[in-house]
Amino acid sequence: MALTGKLEADVELKAPADKFFNIIRSETHQIPNAASDKVHNVEVHEGDWEADGSVKLWKYTVEGKDEIFKEKITVDEANKSVTLVALEAHVMEEFKSYKIVFGVTPMSDQSSVVKITLDYEKLNENIPDPNQYLQFLMNVIKDIDAHLLKA
């Protein structure tokens, strides 16, 4: 069994790509408003809400368990991509490395698709793939989409 892995999923959105990209790039503090049953708080630890290289701490619930995720963000404006690299997190109890990539692609003026990629390295071969985290991220993205459509 391989220790390194990658999980991917596409989520179709009814919101425009620019609006969604803006939320995950520089307005993550809005995500608890959109997905309050999943994401409880996001706060800046280093940098600010918009700067590449900023560090943020997320508090959320996955499968009934409260967790944290301290990440460093990298933004690729040209490709509408945001990468979150885990610095400290509950996931680090099972993974040596853990990275989330959100790539946003416009489908039309009023719709888009988000490709989620989880790149990880397990601490040992007995650890299952992080499918529950991929599902969690898909659900959060759907909540953000619904929130953007209401606005």
Protein backbone atom coordinates (compact mmCIF):
# COMPACT_ATOMS: atom_id res chain seq x y z
CA MET A 1 0.00 0.00 0.00
CA ALA A 2 1.40 3.41 -0.99
CA LEU A 3 2.00 6.02 1.69
CA THR A 4 1.54 8.95 -0.70
CA GLY A 5 -1.78 9.61 -2.30
CA LYS A 6 -4.06 12.03 -4.06
CA LEU A 7 -7.83 12.38 -3.96
CA GLU A 8 -9.71 14.59 -6.41
CA ALA A 9 -13.27 15.76 -6.91
CA ASP A 10 -15.06 18.32 -9.06
CA VAL A 11 -17.93 20.37 -7.69
CA GLU A 12 -20.13 22.29 -10.12
CA LEU A 13 -21.22 25.72 -8.91
CA LYS A 14 -24.02 28.02 -9.93
CA ALA A 15 -21.98 31.01 -8.71
CA PRO A 16 -19.46 32.76 -10.98
CA ALA A 17 -15.83 31.67 -10.69
CA ASP A 18 -14.60 35.13 -9.61
CA LYS A 19 -17.01 35.29 -6.68
CA PHE A 20 -16.08 31.85 -5.42
CA PHE A 21 -12.36 32.41 -5.95
CA ASN A 22 -12.55 35.66 -3.98
CA ILE A 23 -14.08 33.85 -0.99
CA ILE A 24 -11.41 31.14 -0.81
CA ARG A 25 -8.58 33.55 -1.65
CA SER A 26 -9.21 36.53 0.60
CA GLU A 27 -12.55 36.27 2.40
CA THR A 28 -12.25 32.97 4.26
CA HIS A 29 -13.61 34.74 7.35
CA GLN A 30 -16.99 34.60 5.51
CA ILE A 31 -16.99 30.79 5.25
CA PRO A 32 -18.44 30.21 8.76
CA ASN A 33 -21.43 32.35 7.66
CA ALA A 34 -21.97 30.04 4.69
CA ALA A 35 -21.26 26.70 6.37
CA SER A 36 -21.81 27.33 10.09
CA ASP A 37 -22.65 23.70 10.84
CA LYS A 38 -19.24 22.66 9.45
CA VAL A 39 -16.79 25.57 9.78
CA HIS A 40 -17.00 27.44 13.08
CA ASN A 41 -14.18 29.95 12.84
CA VAL A 42 -11.29 31.06 10.65
CA GLU A 43 -8.71 33.48 12.01
CA VAL A 44 -5.44 34.96 10.79
CA HIS A 45 -2.32 33.95 12.72
CA GLU A 46 0.31 35.54 10.47
CA GLY A 47 -0.09 38.00 7.62
CA ASP A 48 -3.61 39.04 6.71
CA TRP A 49 -6.72 37.79 4.92
CA GLU A 50 -5.28 38.43 1.44
CA ALA A 51 -1.49 38.06 1.48
CA ASP A 52 0.13 35.06 -0.15
CA GLY A 53 1.96 33.14 2.58
CA SER A 54 -0.45 34.14 5.35
CA VAL A 55 -1.20 31.58 8.06
CA LYS A 56 -4.77 30.91 9.17
CA LEU A 57 -6.34 28.68 11.80
CA TRP A 58 -9.60 26.90 10.96
CA LYS A 59 -11.96 25.36 13.53
CA TYR A 60 -14.48 22.91 12.06
CA THR A 61 -16.39 19.68 12.63
CA VAL A 62 -15.92 16.52 10.54
CA GLU A 63 -18.10 13.49 11.22
CA GLY A 64 -19.10 14.92 14.63
CA LYS A 65 -15.50 15.58 15.72
CA ASP A 66 -14.21 19.11 16.38
CA GLU A 67 -10.87 19.69 14.70
CA ILE A 68 -8.39 22.44 13.85
CA PHE A 69 -6.36 23.10 10.71
CA LYS A 70 -3.51 25.64 10.74
CA GLU A 71 -2.45 26.31 7.16
CA LYS A 72 -0.23 28.44 5.00
CA ILE A 73 -1.88 29.75 1.84
CA THR A 74 -0.42 30.09 -1.64
CA VAL A 75 -2.46 31.88 -4.29
CA ASP A 76 -2.12 31.55 -8.06
CA GLU A 77 -4.22 34.44 -9.37
CA ALA A 78 -3.64 33.62 -13.04
CA ASN A 79 -5.00 30.07 -12.70
CA LYS A 80 -7.58 30.87 -9.99
CA SER A 81 -5.97 28.35 -7.68
CA VAL A 82 -5.51 28.36 -3.90
CA THR A 83 -3.26 25.91 -2.05
CA LEU A 84 -3.51 25.29 1.70
CA VAL A 85 -0.55 23.47 3.25
CA ALA A 86 -1.10 21.99 6.71
CA LEU A 87 1.27 23.28 9.37
CA GLU A 88 -0.56 21.96 12.42
CA ALA A 89 -3.82 20.04 12.37
CA HIS A 90 -5.69 17.01 13.59
CA VAL A 91 -4.98 15.48 10.18
CA MET A 92 -1.28 15.63 11.05
CA GLU A 93 -1.88 12.90 13.62
CA GLU A 94 -2.15 10.50 10.67
CA PHE A 95 -0.40 12.31 7.82
CA LYS A 96 3.20 13.41 7.41
CA SER A 97 2.09 15.97 4.81
CA TYR A 98 -1.32 17.25 3.80
CA LYS A 99 -2.16 19.80 1.13
CA ILE A 100 -5.49 21.02 -0.24
CA VAL A 101 -5.71 22.65 -3.67
CA PHE A 102 -8.81 24.45 -4.92
CA GLY A 103 -8.82 25.25 -8.64
CA VAL A 104 -11.72 27.36 -9.92
CA THR A 105 -12.67 27.25 -13.60
CA PRO A 106 -15.42 29.37 -15.18
CA MET A 107 -18.00 27.38 -17.14
CA SER A 108 -20.00 30.44 -18.19
CA ASP A 109 -20.54 33.96 -16.87
CA GLN A 110 -22.78 32.56 -14.15
CA SER A 111 -21.36 29.13 -13.36
CA SER A 112 -18.07 27.45 -12.57
CA VAL A 113 -16.46 24.27 -11.35
CA VAL A 114 -14.10 23.77 -8.42
CA LYS A 115 -11.54 21.00 -8.59
CA ILE A 116 -10.45 19.87 -5.13
CA THR A 117 -7.18 17.99 -4.84
CA LEU A 118 -5.93 16.47 -1.59
CA ASP A 119 -2.24 15.54 -1.71
CA TYR A 120 -1.04 13.63 1.33
CA GLU A 121 1.55 11.30 2.77
CA LYS A 122 0.41 8.85 5.44
CA LEU A 123 2.48 8.19 8.55
CA ASN A 124 2.03 4.44 8.00
CA GLU A 125 0.29 2.03 5.66
CA ASN A 126 -2.54 1.25 8.12
CA ILE A 127 -4.02 4.74 7.81
CA PRO A 128 -7.01 4.99 5.45
CA ASP A 129 -7.24 7.55 2.67
CA PRO A 130 -8.80 10.84 3.89
CA ASN A 131 -12.10 10.38 2.03
CA GLN A 132 -14.10 11.96 4.87
CA TYR A 133 -12.11 15.20 4.43
CA LEU A 134 -12.71 15.26 0.69
CA GLN A 135 -16.45 14.84 1.31
CA PHE A 136 -16.31 17.57 3.98
CA LEU A 137 -14.64 19.99 1.53
CA MET A 138 -17.19 19.17 -1.17
CA ASN A 139 -20.02 19.93 1.26
CA VAL A 140 -18.43 23.21 2.38
CA ILE A 141 -18.03 24.29 -1.26
CA LYS A 142 -21.70 23.54 -1.93
CA ASP A 143 -22.65 25.63 1.12
CA ILE A 144 -20.50 28.54 -0.10
CA ASP A 145 -22.13 28.29 -3.53
CA ALA A 146 -25.63 28.46 -1.97
CA HIS A 147 -24.52 31.41 0.19
CA LEU A 148 -23.17 33.29 -2.82
CA LEU A 149 -26.39 32.74 -4.74
CA LYS A 150 -28.43 34.26 -1.87
CA ALA A 151 -26.23 37.38 -1.71
